[in-house]
């Protein structure tokens, strides 16, 4: 695992809004790696950035987020085999 970063920094690195990351988290496109004692969500900088970039790339195909999630999950499953 790479560096854990807060949502604001992740949004800045990925070029998306904080609300976008919150939404992607809610629907399972990205995962929270850890939480601070104060309840702030922390994200794996490398993994989350790659996933958001992939969502943006696939999204240019005008696919639904549900379809994008399935494509990413299938891709991740294939990498594990």
N, C-alpha and C. Protein backbone atom coordinates (compact mmCIF):
# COMPACT_ATOMS: atom_id res chain seq x y z
N UNK A 1 0.85 -1.18 0.00
CA UNK A 1 0.00 0.00 0.00
C UNK A 1 0.90 1.24 0.00
N UNK A 2 0.45 2.24 -0.72
CA UNK A 2 1.21 3.48 -0.77
C UNK A 2 0.71 4.44 0.31
N UNK A 3 1.07 5.68 0.20
CA UNK A 3 0.72 6.69 1.20
C UNK A 3 -0.80 6.83 1.35
N UNK A 4 -1.26 7.03 2.58
CA UNK A 4 -2.67 7.30 2.84
C UNK A 4 -2.87 8.81 2.88
N UNK A 5 -3.87 9.27 2.12
CA UNK A 5 -4.11 10.71 2.05
C UNK A 5 -5.59 11.01 2.27
N UNK A 6 -5.85 12.25 2.70
CA UNK A 6 -7.22 12.69 2.95
C UNK A 6 -7.93 12.98 1.64
N UNK A 7 -9.23 13.06 1.72
CA UNK A 7 -10.08 13.19 0.54
C UNK A 7 -9.79 14.46 -0.26
N UNK A 8 -9.49 15.56 0.40
CA UNK A 8 -9.20 16.81 -0.31
C UNK A 8 -7.97 16.70 -1.19
N UNK A 9 -6.92 16.10 -0.66
CA UNK A 9 -5.70 15.90 -1.43
C UNK A 9 -5.95 14.93 -2.58
N UNK A 10 -6.74 13.89 -2.32
CA UNK A 10 -7.05 12.93 -3.39
C UNK A 10 -7.83 13.61 -4.51
N UNK A 11 -8.78 14.45 -4.15
CA UNK A 11 -9.55 15.17 -5.16
C UNK A 11 -8.64 16.05 -6.01
N UNK A 12 -7.71 16.72 -5.35
CA UNK A 12 -6.77 17.58 -6.05
C UNK A 12 -5.90 16.77 -7.02
N UNK A 13 -5.37 15.65 -6.56
CA UNK A 13 -4.52 14.81 -7.40
C UNK A 13 -5.28 14.23 -8.59
N UNK A 14 -6.53 13.84 -8.35
CA UNK A 14 -7.33 13.19 -9.38
C UNK A 14 -8.03 14.17 -10.31
N UNK A 15 -8.09 15.43 -9.91
CA UNK A 15 -8.76 16.42 -10.74
C UNK A 15 -10.27 16.29 -10.73
N UNK A 16 -10.80 15.89 -9.57
CA UNK A 16 -12.26 15.78 -9.41
C UNK A 16 -12.66 16.50 -8.13
N UNK A 17 -13.94 16.67 -7.95
CA UNK A 17 -14.45 17.31 -6.74
C UNK A 17 -14.48 16.31 -5.59
N UNK A 18 -14.43 16.84 -4.38
CA UNK A 18 -14.55 16.00 -3.19
C UNK A 18 -15.88 15.24 -3.22
N UNK A 19 -16.93 15.91 -3.66
CA UNK A 19 -18.25 15.25 -3.72
C UNK A 19 -18.23 14.06 -4.68
N UNK A 20 -17.41 14.14 -5.72
CA UNK A 20 -17.29 13.01 -6.66
C UNK A 20 -16.68 11.81 -5.96
N UNK A 21 -15.62 12.06 -5.19
CA UNK A 21 -14.99 10.95 -4.47
C UNK A 21 -15.94 10.37 -3.44
N UNK A 22 -16.68 11.22 -2.75
CA UNK A 22 -17.67 10.72 -1.79
C UNK A 22 -18.70 9.83 -2.48
N UNK A 23 -19.17 10.29 -3.64
CA UNK A 23 -20.15 9.51 -4.39
C UNK A 23 -19.55 8.19 -4.87
N UNK A 24 -18.34 8.24 -5.43
CA UNK A 24 -17.68 7.01 -5.87
C UNK A 24 -17.49 6.04 -4.70
N UNK A 25 -17.21 6.57 -3.52
CA UNK A 25 -17.08 5.73 -2.33
C UNK A 25 -18.42 5.09 -1.98
N UNK A 26 -19.47 5.90 -2.01
CA UNK A 26 -20.82 5.41 -1.67
C UNK A 26 -21.27 4.28 -2.58
N UNK A 27 -20.92 4.36 -3.88
CA UNK A 27 -21.38 3.34 -4.82
C UNK A 27 -20.35 2.22 -5.03
N UNK A 28 -19.22 2.30 -4.33
CA UNK A 28 -18.25 1.22 -4.35
C UNK A 28 -17.20 1.30 -5.45
N UNK A 29 -17.10 2.43 -6.13
CA UNK A 29 -16.06 2.57 -7.16
C UNK A 29 -14.67 2.74 -6.55
N UNK A 30 -14.59 3.42 -5.43
CA UNK A 30 -13.32 3.53 -4.69
C UNK A 30 -13.59 3.14 -3.24
N UNK A 31 -12.53 2.72 -2.59
CA UNK A 31 -12.66 2.24 -1.22
C UNK A 31 -11.84 3.10 -0.26
N UNK A 32 -12.38 3.29 0.91
CA UNK A 32 -11.66 3.98 1.98
C UNK A 32 -10.65 2.99 2.55
N UNK A 33 -9.39 3.40 2.61
CA UNK A 33 -8.33 2.52 3.12
C UNK A 33 -8.29 2.50 4.64
N UNK A 34 -8.61 3.64 5.25
CA UNK A 34 -8.56 3.75 6.71
C UNK A 34 -9.33 5.00 7.11
N UNK A 35 -9.50 5.17 8.39
CA UNK A 35 -10.18 6.35 8.92
C UNK A 35 -9.37 6.88 10.09
N UNK A 36 -9.26 8.20 10.18
CA UNK A 36 -8.54 8.81 11.30
C UNK A 36 -9.38 8.67 12.56
N UNK A 37 -8.77 8.87 13.74
CA UNK A 37 -9.56 8.83 14.97
C UNK A 37 -10.71 9.84 14.96
N UNK A 38 -10.55 10.92 14.21
CA UNK A 38 -11.59 11.93 14.11
C UNK A 38 -12.65 11.61 13.07
N UNK A 39 -12.51 10.48 12.37
CA UNK A 39 -13.51 10.05 11.41
C UNK A 39 -13.25 10.47 9.96
N UNK A 40 -12.10 11.09 9.70
CA UNK A 40 -11.79 11.48 8.32
C UNK A 40 -11.37 10.26 7.52
N UNK A 41 -11.88 10.18 6.30
CA UNK A 41 -11.55 9.06 5.42
C UNK A 41 -10.16 9.26 4.82
N UNK A 42 -9.42 8.16 4.77
CA UNK A 42 -8.10 8.15 4.16
C UNK A 42 -8.12 7.18 2.99
N UNK A 43 -7.44 7.58 1.92
CA UNK A 43 -7.42 6.78 0.70
C UNK A 43 -6.00 6.40 0.34
N UNK A 44 -5.83 5.21 -0.20
CA UNK A 44 -4.54 4.78 -0.72
C UNK A 44 -4.26 5.63 -1.95
N UNK A 45 -3.21 6.44 -1.88
CA UNK A 45 -2.97 7.42 -2.94
C UNK A 45 -2.81 6.78 -4.31
N UNK A 46 -2.09 5.70 -4.40
CA UNK A 46 -1.83 5.06 -5.69
C UNK A 46 -3.06 4.33 -6.22
N UNK A 47 -3.64 3.45 -5.43
CA UNK A 47 -4.77 2.64 -5.87
C UNK A 47 -5.98 3.51 -6.22
N UNK A 48 -6.30 4.45 -5.35
CA UNK A 48 -7.47 5.29 -5.58
C UNK A 48 -7.29 6.18 -6.80
N UNK A 49 -6.10 6.73 -6.96
CA UNK A 49 -5.84 7.58 -8.12
C UNK A 49 -5.99 6.77 -9.41
N UNK A 50 -5.44 5.56 -9.43
CA UNK A 50 -5.57 4.71 -10.61
C UNK A 50 -7.03 4.41 -10.92
N UNK A 51 -7.80 4.11 -9.89
CA UNK A 51 -9.22 3.78 -10.10
C UNK A 51 -9.99 4.99 -10.63
N UNK A 52 -9.74 6.16 -10.07
CA UNK A 52 -10.45 7.36 -10.53
C UNK A 52 -10.06 7.68 -11.97
N UNK A 53 -8.78 7.54 -12.29
CA UNK A 53 -8.35 7.78 -13.67
C UNK A 53 -9.00 6.79 -14.62
N UNK A 54 -9.13 5.55 -14.20
CA UNK A 54 -9.78 4.54 -15.02
C UNK A 54 -11.27 4.84 -15.20
N UNK A 55 -11.92 5.29 -14.13
CA UNK A 55 -13.33 5.67 -14.21
C UNK A 55 -13.49 6.81 -15.22
N UNK A 56 -12.62 7.79 -15.16
CA UNK A 56 -12.70 8.92 -16.08
C UNK A 56 -12.47 8.47 -17.52
N UNK A 57 -11.49 7.58 -17.72
CA UNK A 57 -11.19 7.09 -19.06
C UNK A 57 -12.35 6.29 -19.63
N UNK A 58 -12.86 5.35 -18.85
CA UNK A 58 -13.98 4.53 -19.33
C UNK A 58 -15.23 5.39 -19.48
N UNK A 59 -15.38 6.37 -18.61
CA UNK A 59 -16.55 7.25 -18.65
C UNK A 59 -16.66 8.03 -19.95
N UNK A 60 -15.55 8.23 -20.62
CA UNK A 60 -15.58 8.91 -21.92
C UNK A 60 -16.35 8.10 -22.96
N UNK A 61 -16.53 6.81 -22.67
CA UNK A 61 -17.30 5.94 -23.56
C UNK A 61 -18.80 6.09 -23.32
N UNK A 62 -19.14 6.98 -22.40
CA UNK A 62 -20.53 7.27 -22.04
C UNK A 62 -21.27 6.05 -21.46
N UNK A 63 -20.52 5.27 -20.67
CA UNK A 63 -21.12 4.13 -19.99
C UNK A 63 -21.64 4.59 -18.63
N UNK A 64 -22.59 3.87 -18.11
CA UNK A 64 -23.13 4.19 -16.78
C UNK A 64 -22.07 3.87 -15.73
N UNK A 65 -22.18 4.51 -14.58
CA UNK A 65 -21.22 4.23 -13.50
C UNK A 65 -21.34 2.79 -13.03
N UNK A 66 -22.53 2.21 -13.09
CA UNK A 66 -22.71 0.81 -12.72
C UNK A 66 -21.92 -0.09 -13.67
N UNK A 67 -21.99 0.20 -14.96
CA UNK A 67 -21.23 -0.57 -15.94
C UNK A 67 -19.74 -0.37 -15.74
N UNK A 68 -19.33 0.86 -15.48
CA UNK A 68 -17.91 1.15 -15.23
C UNK A 68 -17.42 0.36 -14.02
N UNK A 69 -18.22 0.33 -12.97
CA UNK A 69 -17.84 -0.43 -11.77
C UNK A 69 -17.64 -1.90 -12.12
N UNK A 70 -18.55 -2.47 -12.91
CA UNK A 70 -18.43 -3.87 -13.31
C UNK A 70 -17.16 -4.11 -14.13
N UNK A 71 -16.85 -3.20 -15.04
CA UNK A 71 -15.64 -3.33 -15.86
C UNK A 71 -14.40 -3.29 -14.99
N UNK A 72 -14.36 -2.34 -14.06
CA UNK A 72 -13.20 -2.22 -13.17
C UNK A 72 -13.08 -3.45 -12.27
N UNK A 73 -14.19 -3.91 -11.73
CA UNK A 73 -14.15 -5.10 -10.87
C UNK A 73 -13.69 -6.33 -11.65
N UNK A 74 -14.19 -6.48 -12.89
CA UNK A 74 -13.77 -7.61 -13.72
C UNK A 74 -12.28 -7.52 -14.04
N UNK A 75 -11.81 -6.31 -14.30
CA UNK A 75 -10.39 -6.08 -14.59
C UNK A 75 -9.54 -6.44 -13.38
N UNK A 76 -9.98 -6.03 -12.21
CA UNK A 76 -9.24 -6.30 -10.97
C UNK A 76 -9.22 -7.81 -10.71
N UNK A 77 -10.36 -8.49 -10.92
CA UNK A 77 -10.42 -9.93 -10.74
C UNK A 77 -9.46 -10.66 -11.68
N UNK A 78 -9.38 -10.19 -12.92
CA UNK A 78 -8.49 -10.80 -13.91
C UNK A 78 -7.03 -10.63 -13.50
N UNK A 79 -6.69 -9.48 -12.91
CA UNK A 79 -5.31 -9.24 -12.45
C UNK A 79 -4.93 -10.19 -11.33
N UNK A 80 -5.89 -10.58 -10.51
CA UNK A 80 -5.60 -11.44 -9.36
C UNK A 80 -5.38 -12.89 -9.76
N UNK A 81 -5.83 -13.27 -10.93
CA UNK A 81 -5.72 -14.68 -11.37
C UNK A 81 -4.38 -14.97 -11.98
